[in-house]
Structure formats: C-alpha cells, structure tokens
PDB file of N, CA and C in Angstrom:
ATOM      1  N   UNK A   1      24.661  -4.165  22.069  1.00  0.00           N
ATOM      2  CA  UNK A   1      23.982  -3.234  21.198  1.00  0.00           C
ATOM      3  C   UNK A   1      22.627  -3.784  20.749  1.00  0.00           C
ATOM      4  N   UNK A   2      22.576  -5.089  20.493  1.00  0.00           N
ATOM      5  CA  UNK A   2      21.323  -5.693  20.054  1.00  0.00           C
ATOM      6  C   UNK A   2      20.267  -5.627  21.155  1.00  0.00           C
ATOM      7  N   UNK A   3      20.694  -5.866  22.391  1.00  0.00           N
ATOM      8  CA  UNK A   3      19.752  -5.798  23.511  1.00  0.00           C
ATOM      9  C   UNK A   3      19.250  -4.377  23.725  1.00  0.00           C
ATOM     10  N   UNK A   4      20.126  -3.388  23.502  1.00  0.00           N
ATOM     11  CA  UNK A   4      19.699  -1.999  23.652  1.00  0.00           C
ATOM     12  C   UNK A   4      18.625  -1.652  22.620  1.00  0.00           C
ATOM     13  N   UNK A   5      18.789  -2.123  21.392  1.00  0.00           N
ATOM     14  CA  UNK A   5      17.780  -1.856  20.361  1.00  0.00           C
ATOM     15  C   UNK A   5      16.448  -2.492  20.721  1.00  0.00           C
ATOM     16  N   UNK A   6      16.506  -3.712  21.221  1.00  0.00           N
ATOM     17  CA  UNK A   6      15.267  -4.377  21.644  1.00  0.00           C
ATOM     18  C   UNK A   6      14.597  -3.609  22.770  1.00  0.00           C
ATOM     19  N   UNK A   7      15.388  -3.178  23.741  1.00  0.00           N
ATOM     20  CA  UNK A   7      14.839  -2.429  24.870  1.00  0.00           C
ATOM     21  C   UNK A   7      14.256  -1.099  24.400  1.00  0.00           C
ATOM     22  N   UNK A   8      14.968  -0.401  23.518  1.00  0.00           N
ATOM     23  CA  UNK A   8      14.480   0.884  23.012  1.00  0.00           C
ATOM     24  C   UNK A   8      13.185   0.690  22.229  1.00  0.00           C
ATOM     25  N   UNK A   9      13.121  -0.354  21.409  1.00  0.00           N
ATOM     26  CA  UNK A   9      11.901  -0.634  20.656  1.00  0.00           C
ATOM     27  C   UNK A   9      10.754  -0.961  21.599  1.00  0.00           C
ATOM     28  N   UNK A  10      11.012  -1.758  22.626  1.00  0.00           N
ATOM     29  CA  UNK A  10       9.976  -2.125  23.591  1.00  0.00           C
ATOM     30  C   UNK A  10       9.459  -0.895  24.330  1.00  0.00           C
ATOM     31  N   UNK A  11      10.355  -0.023  24.754  1.00  0.00           N
ATOM     32  CA  UNK A  11       9.950   1.192  25.472  1.00  0.00           C
ATOM     33  C   UNK A  11       9.142   2.105  24.549  1.00  0.00           C
ATOM     34  N   UNK A  12       9.575   2.255  23.295  1.00  0.00           N
ATOM     35  CA  UNK A  12       8.839   3.097  22.351  1.00  0.00           C
ATOM     36  C   UNK A  12       7.453   2.522  22.078  1.00  0.00           C
ATOM     37  N   UNK A  13       7.361   1.203  21.899  1.00  0.00           N
ATOM     38  CA  UNK A  13       6.060   0.565  21.661  1.00  0.00           C
ATOM     39  C   UNK A  13       5.157   0.716  22.875  1.00  0.00           C
ATOM     40  N   UNK A  14       5.719   0.605  24.052  1.00  0.00           N
ATOM     41  CA  UNK A  14       4.945   0.769  25.282  1.00  0.00           C
ATOM     42  C   UNK A  14       4.418   2.196  25.408  1.00  0.00           C
ATOM     43  N   UNK A  15       5.232   3.178  25.063  1.00  0.00           N
ATOM     44  CA  UNK A  15       4.784   4.573  25.117  1.00  0.00           C
ATOM     45  C   UNK A  15       3.679   4.844  24.099  1.00  0.00           C
ATOM     46  N   UNK A  16       3.815   4.302  22.904  1.00  0.00           N
ATOM     47  CA  UNK A  16       2.773   4.479  21.885  1.00  0.00           C
ATOM     48  C   UNK A  16       1.471   3.841  22.351  1.00  0.00           C
ATOM     49  N   UNK A  17       1.557   2.645  22.914  1.00  0.00           N
ATOM     50  CA  UNK A  17       0.358   1.969  23.417  1.00  0.00           C
ATOM     51  C   UNK A  17      -0.286   2.774  24.542  1.00  0.00           C
ATOM     52  N   UNK A  18       0.519   3.342  25.418  1.00  0.00           N
ATOM     53  CA  UNK A  18      -0.005   4.150  26.518  1.00  0.00           C
ATOM     54  C   UNK A  18      -0.708   5.399  25.989  1.00  0.00           C
ATOM     55  N   UNK A  19      -0.120   6.041  25.003  1.00  0.00           N
ATOM     56  CA  UNK A  19      -0.738   7.237  24.415  1.00  0.00           C
ATOM     57  C   UNK A  19      -2.063   6.877  23.749  1.00  0.00           C
ATOM     58  N   UNK A  20      -2.112   5.746  23.062  1.00  0.00           N
ATOM     59  CA  UNK A  20      -3.357   5.320  22.415  1.00  0.00           C
ATOM     60  C   UNK A  20      -4.433   5.038  23.449  1.00  0.00           C
ATOM     61  N   UNK A  21      -4.079   4.361  24.529  1.00  0.00           N
ATOM     62  CA  UNK A  21      -5.057   4.066  25.589  1.00  0.00           C
ATOM     63  C   UNK A  21      -5.564   5.357  26.215  1.00  0.00           C
ATOM     64  N   UNK A  22      -4.671   6.295  26.503  1.00  0.00           N
ATOM     65  CA  UNK A  22      -5.100   7.576  27.074  1.00  0.00           C
ATOM     66  C   UNK A  22      -5.999   8.341  26.105  1.00  0.00           C
ATOM     67  N   UNK A  23      -5.677   8.314  24.817  1.00  0.00           N
ATOM     68  CA  UNK A  23      -6.501   8.984  23.813  1.00  0.00           C
ATOM     69  C   UNK A  23      -7.901   8.393  23.776  1.00  0.00           C
ATOM     70  N   UNK A  24      -7.992   7.077  23.806  1.00  0.00           N
ATOM     71  CA  UNK A  24      -9.297   6.412  23.765  1.00  0.00           C
ATOM     72  C   UNK A  24     -10.102   6.730  25.022  1.00  0.00           C
ATOM     73  N   UNK A  25      -9.456   6.741  26.175  1.00  0.00           N
ATOM     74  CA  UNK A  25     -10.170   7.013  27.422  1.00  0.00           C
ATOM     75  C   UNK A  25     -10.640   8.462  27.514  1.00  0.00           C
ATOM     76  N   UNK A  26      -9.897   9.388  26.932  1.00  0.00           N
ATOM     77  CA  UNK A  26     -10.257  10.801  27.023  1.00  0.00           C
ATOM     78  C   UNK A  26     -11.297  11.229  25.985  1.00  0.00           C
ATOM     79  N   UNK A  27     -11.430  10.497  24.897  1.00  0.00           N
ATOM     80  CA  UNK A  27     -12.330  10.897  23.808  1.00  0.00           C
ATOM     81  C   UNK A  27     -13.427   9.863  23.617  1.00  0.00           C
ATOM     82  N   UNK A  28     -14.276   9.738  24.604  1.00  0.00           N
ATOM     83  CA  UNK A  28     -15.328   8.728  24.518  1.00  0.00           C
ATOM     84  C   UNK A  28     -16.717   9.326  24.272  1.00  0.00           C
ATOM     85  N   UNK A  29     -16.800  10.595  23.856  1.00  0.00           N
ATOM     86  CA  UNK A  29     -18.087  11.189  23.532  1.00  0.00           C
ATOM     87  C   UNK A  29     -18.561  10.622  22.192  1.00  0.00           C
ATOM     88  N   UNK A  30     -19.828  10.250  22.106  1.00  0.00           N
ATOM     89  CA  UNK A  30     -20.323   9.692  20.837  1.00  0.00           C
ATOM     90  C   UNK A  30     -20.442  10.767  19.757  1.00  0.00           C
ATOM     91  N   UNK A  31     -20.201  10.345  18.526  1.00  0.00           N
ATOM     92  CA  UNK A  31     -20.311  11.247  17.379  1.00  0.00           C
ATOM     93  C   UNK A  31     -20.895  10.473  16.205  1.00  0.00           C
ATOM     94  N   UNK A  32     -21.700  11.160  15.415  1.00  0.00           N
ATOM     95  CA  UNK A  32     -22.260  10.571  14.205  1.00  0.00           C
ATOM     96  C   UNK A  32     -21.603  11.241  13.008  1.00  0.00           C
ATOM     97  N   UNK A  33     -21.080  10.447  12.097  1.00  0.00           N
ATOM     98  CA  UNK A  33     -20.434  10.980  10.907  1.00  0.00           C
ATOM     99  C   UNK A  33     -21.333  10.777   9.697  1.00  0.00           C
ATOM    100  N   UNK A  34     -21.289  11.736   8.782  1.00  0.00           N
ATOM    101  CA  UNK A  34     -22.004  11.629   7.510  1.00  0.00           C
ATOM    102  C   UNK A  34     -20.974  11.546   6.398  1.00  0.00           C
ATOM    103  N   UNK A  35     -21.125  10.568   5.509  1.00  0.00           N
ATOM    104  CA  UNK A  35     -20.249  10.433   4.350  1.00  0.00           C
ATOM    105  C   UNK A  35     -21.120  10.291   3.114  1.00  0.00           C
ATOM    106  N   UNK A  36     -21.070  11.300   2.255  1.00  0.00           N
ATOM    107  CA  UNK A  36     -21.896  11.348   1.044  1.00  0.00           C
ATOM    108  C   UNK A  36     -23.380  11.180   1.359  1.00  0.00           C
ATOM    109  N   UNK A  37     -23.801  11.764   2.470  1.00  0.00           N
ATOM    110  CA  UNK A  37     -25.201  11.709   2.859  1.00  0.00           C
ATOM    111  C   UNK A  37     -25.599  10.476   3.641  1.00  0.00           C
ATOM    112  N   UNK A  38     -24.704   9.520   3.763  1.00  0.00           N
ATOM    113  CA  UNK A  38     -25.018   8.297   4.506  1.00  0.00           C
ATOM    114  C   UNK A  38     -24.505   8.421   5.929  1.00  0.00           C
ATOM    115  N   UNK A  39     -25.387   8.266   6.914  1.00  0.00           N
ATOM    116  CA  UNK A  39     -24.920   8.357   8.306  1.00  0.00           C
ATOM    117  C   UNK A  39     -24.236   7.058   8.745  1.00  0.00           C
ATOM    118  N   UNK A  40     -23.177   7.224   9.485  1.00  0.00           N
ATOM    119  CA  UNK A  40     -22.485   6.074  10.078  1.00  0.00           C
ATOM    120  C   UNK A  40     -23.072   5.843  11.465  1.00  0.00           C
ATOM    121  N   UNK A  41     -22.914   4.658  12.014  1.00  0.00           N
ATOM    122  CA  UNK A  41     -23.413   4.442  13.375  1.00  0.00           C
ATOM    123  C   UNK A  41     -22.694   5.353  14.363  1.00  0.00           C
ATOM    124  N   UNK A  42     -23.379   5.668  15.435  1.00  0.00           N
ATOM    125  CA  UNK A  42     -22.813   6.549  16.447  1.00  0.00           C
ATOM    126  C   UNK A  42     -21.690   5.817  17.179  1.00  0.00           C
ATOM    127  N   UNK A  43     -20.477   6.359  17.071  1.00  0.00           N
ATOM    128  CA  UNK A  43     -19.290   5.773  17.691  1.00  0.00           C
ATOM    129  C   UNK A  43     -18.559   6.841  18.490  1.00  0.00           C
ATOM    130  N   UNK A  44     -17.754   6.441  19.466  1.00  0.00           N
ATOM    131  CA  UNK A  44     -16.919   7.427  20.164  1.00  0.00           C
ATOM    132  C   UNK A  44     -15.941   8.095  19.190  1.00  0.00           C
ATOM    133  N   UNK A  45     -15.597   9.336  19.485  1.00  0.00           N
ATOM    134  CA  UNK A  45     -14.695  10.104  18.630  1.00  0.00           C
ATOM    135  C   UNK A  45     -13.369   9.373  18.455  1.00  0.00           C
ATOM    136  N   UNK A  46     -12.869   8.771  19.507  1.00  0.00           N
ATOM    137  CA  UNK A  46     -11.573   8.095  19.430  1.00  0.00           C
ATOM    138  C   UNK A  46     -11.606   6.940  18.439  1.00  0.00           C
ATOM    139  N   UNK A  47     -12.704   6.218  18.381  1.00  0.00           N
ATOM    140  CA  UNK A  47     -12.811   5.101  17.437  1.00  0.00           C
ATOM    141  C   UNK A  47     -12.830   5.632  16.007  1.00  0.00           C
ATOM    142  N   UNK A  48     -13.542   6.735  15.774  1.00  0.00           N
ATOM    143  CA  UNK A  48     -13.576   7.335  14.433  1.00  0.00           C
ATOM    144  C   UNK A  48     -12.175   7.759  13.998  1.00  0.00           C
ATOM    145  N   UNK A  49     -11.436   8.384  14.893  1.00  0.00           N
ATOM    146  CA  UNK A  49     -10.082   8.834  14.555  1.00  0.00           C
ATOM    147  C   UNK A  49      -9.162   7.644  14.320  1.00  0.00           C
ATOM    148  N   UNK A  50      -9.248   6.625  15.162  1.00  0.00           N
ATOM    149  CA  UNK A  50      -8.401   5.443  14.988  1.00  0.00           C
ATOM    150  C   UNK A  50      -8.739   4.696  13.699  1.00  0.00           C
ATOM    151  N   UNK A  51     -10.015   4.621  13.334  1.00  0.00           N
ATOM    152  CA  UNK A  51     -10.391   3.990  12.069  1.00  0.00           C
ATOM    153  C   UNK A  51      -9.849   4.774  10.874  1.00  0.00           C
ATOM    154  N   UNK A  52      -9.895   6.098  10.956  1.00  0.00           N
ATOM    155  CA  UNK A  52      -9.341   6.921   9.877  1.00  0.00           C
ATOM    156  C   UNK A  52      -7.827   6.736   9.782  1.00  0.00           C
ATOM    157  N   UNK A  53      -7.161   6.644  10.920  1.00  0.00           N
ATOM    158  CA  UNK A  53      -5.716   6.406  10.937  1.00  0.00           C
ATOM    159  C   UNK A  53      -5.380   5.063  10.302  1.00  0.00           C
ATOM    160  N   UNK A  54      -6.102   4.026  10.677  1.00  0.00           N
ATOM    161  CA  UNK A  54      -5.851   2.696  10.116  1.00  0.00           C
ATOM    162  C   UNK A  54      -6.132   2.656   8.617  1.00  0.00           C
ATOM    163  N   UNK A  55      -7.197   3.331   8.186  1.00  0.00           N
ATOM    164  CA  UNK A  55      -7.504   3.373   6.753  1.00  0.00           C
ATOM    165  C   UNK A  55      -6.379   4.069   5.985  1.00  0.00           C
ATOM    166  N   UNK A  56      -5.859   5.146   6.527  1.00  0.00           N
ATOM    167  CA  UNK A  56      -4.744   5.840   5.886  1.00  0.00           C
ATOM    168  C   UNK A  56      -3.478   5.010   5.870  1.00  0.00           C
ATOM    169  N   UNK A  57      -3.246   4.258   6.940  1.00  0.00           N
ATOM    170  CA  UNK A  57      -2.060   3.405   6.996  1.00  0.00           C
ATOM    171  C   UNK A  57      -2.144   2.272   5.981  1.00  0.00           C
ATOM    172  N   UNK A  58      -3.343   1.820   5.660  1.00  0.00           N
ATOM    173  CA  UNK A  58      -3.493   0.760   4.663  1.00  0.00           C
ATOM    174  C   UNK A  58      -3.526   1.331   3.246  1.00  0.00           C
ATOM    175  N   UNK A  59      -4.102   2.501   3.075  1.00  0.00           N
ATOM    176  CA  UNK A  59      -4.244   3.098   1.753  1.00  0.00           C
ATOM    177  C   UNK A  59      -2.943   3.739   1.267  1.00  0.00           C
ATOM    178  N   UNK A  60      -2.167   4.308   2.165  1.00  0.00           N
ATOM    179  CA  UNK A  60      -0.924   4.993   1.799  1.00  0.00           C
ATOM    180  C   UNK A  60       0.066   4.117   1.046  1.00  0.00           C
ATOM    181  N   UNK A  61       0.443   2.959   1.577  1.00  0.00           N
ATOM    182  CA  UNK A  61       1.383   2.100   0.840  1.00  0.00           C
ATOM    183  C   UNK A  61       0.831   1.633  -0.508  1.00  0.00           C
ATOM    184  N   UNK A  62      -0.465   1.367  -0.572  1.00  0.00           N
ATOM    185  CA  UNK A  62      -1.065   0.952  -1.843  1.00  0.00           C
ATOM    186  C   UNK A  62      -0.940   2.053  -2.885  1.00  0.00           C
ATOM    187  N   UNK A  63      -1.255   3.289  -2.506  1.00  0.00           N
ATOM    188  CA  UNK A  63      -1.149   4.398  -3.453  1.00  0.00           C
ATOM    189  C   UNK A  63       0.301   4.646  -3.848  1.00  0.00           C
ATOM    190  N   UNK A  64       1.216   4.505  -2.913  1.00  0.00           N
ATOM    191  CA  UNK A  64       2.633   4.658  -3.215  1.00  0.00           C
ATOM    192  C   UNK A  64       3.082   3.608  -4.223  1.00  0.00           C
ATOM    193  N   UNK A  65       2.663   2.378  -4.025  1.00  0.00           N
ATOM    194  CA  UNK A  65       3.002   1.303  -4.950  1.00  0.00           C
ATOM    195  C   UNK A  65       2.390   1.568  -6.323  1.00  0.00           C
ATOM    196  N   UNK A  66       1.132   2.003  -6.340  1.00  0.00           N
ATOM    197  CA  UNK A  66       0.433   2.273  -7.596  1.00  0.00           C
ATOM    198  C   UNK A  66       1.104   3.405  -8.367  1.00  0.00           C
ATOM    199  N   UNK A  67       1.496   4.467  -7.670  1.00  0.00           N
ATOM    200  CA  UNK A  67       2.159   5.587  -8.334  1.00  0.00           C
ATOM    201  C   UNK A  67       3.527   5.170  -8.853  1.00  0.00           C
ATOM    202  N   UNK A  68       4.214   4.307  -8.147  1.00  0.00           N
ATOM    203  CA  UNK A  68       5.500   3.801  -8.617  1.00  0.00           C
ATOM    204  C   UNK A  68       5.348   2.986  -9.885  1.00  0.00           C
ATOM    205  N   UNK A  69       4.275   2.199  -9.964  1.00  0.00           N
ATOM    206  CA  UNK A  69       4.005   1.411 -11.167  1.00  0.00           C
ATOM    207  C   UNK A  69       3.736   2.319 -12.365  1.00  0.00           C
ATOM    208  N   UNK A  70       2.977   3.400 -12.153  1.00  0.00           N
ATOM    209  CA  UNK A  70       2.647   4.289 -13.269  1.00  0.00           C
ATOM    210  C   UNK A  70       3.890   5.040 -13.748  1.00  0.00           C
ATOM    211  N   UNK A  71       4.829   5.325 -12.864  1.00  0.00           N
ATOM    212  CA  UNK A  71       6.070   5.990 -13.277  1.00  0.00           C
ATOM    213  C   UNK A  71       6.936   5.057 -14.109  1.00  0.00           C
ATOM    214  N   UNK A  72       6.911   3.765 -13.802  1.00  0.00           N
ATOM    215  CA  UNK A  72       7.708   2.807 -14.557  1.00  0.00           C
ATOM    216  C   UNK A  72       7.188   2.638 -15.979  1.00  0.00           C
ATOM    217  N   UNK A  73       5.891   2.835 -16.181  1.00  0.00           N
ATOM    218  CA  UNK A  73       5.308   2.671 -17.506  1.00  0.00           C
ATOM    219  C   UNK A  73       5.660   3.816 -18.447  1.00  0.00           C
ATOM    220  N   UNK A  74       6.030   4.969 -17.907  1.00  0.00           N
ATOM    221  CA  UNK A  74       6.336   6.147 -18.746  1.00  0.00           C
ATOM    222  C   UNK A  74       7.691   6.051 -19.377  1.00  0.00           C
TER     223      UNK A  74
END
C-alpha cells in the first residue's frame, strides 16, 4: 500500500509538471501589465499567470493564519 501511494503521488506530480510545461510552451506571447499605473516589464503570459499563482499560494496561508488569530482574540 505504501508503494502504491508513492507511485500515485509520483504519477500525479509528473502529470502536473507536464501540464505546466505545456502551458508555458503554449503561452509565450509577450504581455505588459499595469499595476496602479506602474508598468511591469514585458513578460510572456505564462510567466505572469504562474507568478500570480505563486503569489496566491504564498498569500493564502498567511491570510488564513491571520484570520484565525483575529477570531481567537474575540
């Protein structure tokens, strides 16, 4: 059973990596983003989306932790 879990995790990770590589290869048109009037450097669309995903993955747990702390104070 332990080996099956390892194999399933490896296959799932491999599929996710393959999807990410295909996404990056298909979305390589450059795009310029504006945030509060400030232009960002011209980057491929896939990089912009992946950066937004990573920012959300880092910000989400922090906000969850912060909201949990504020509930404990009440």
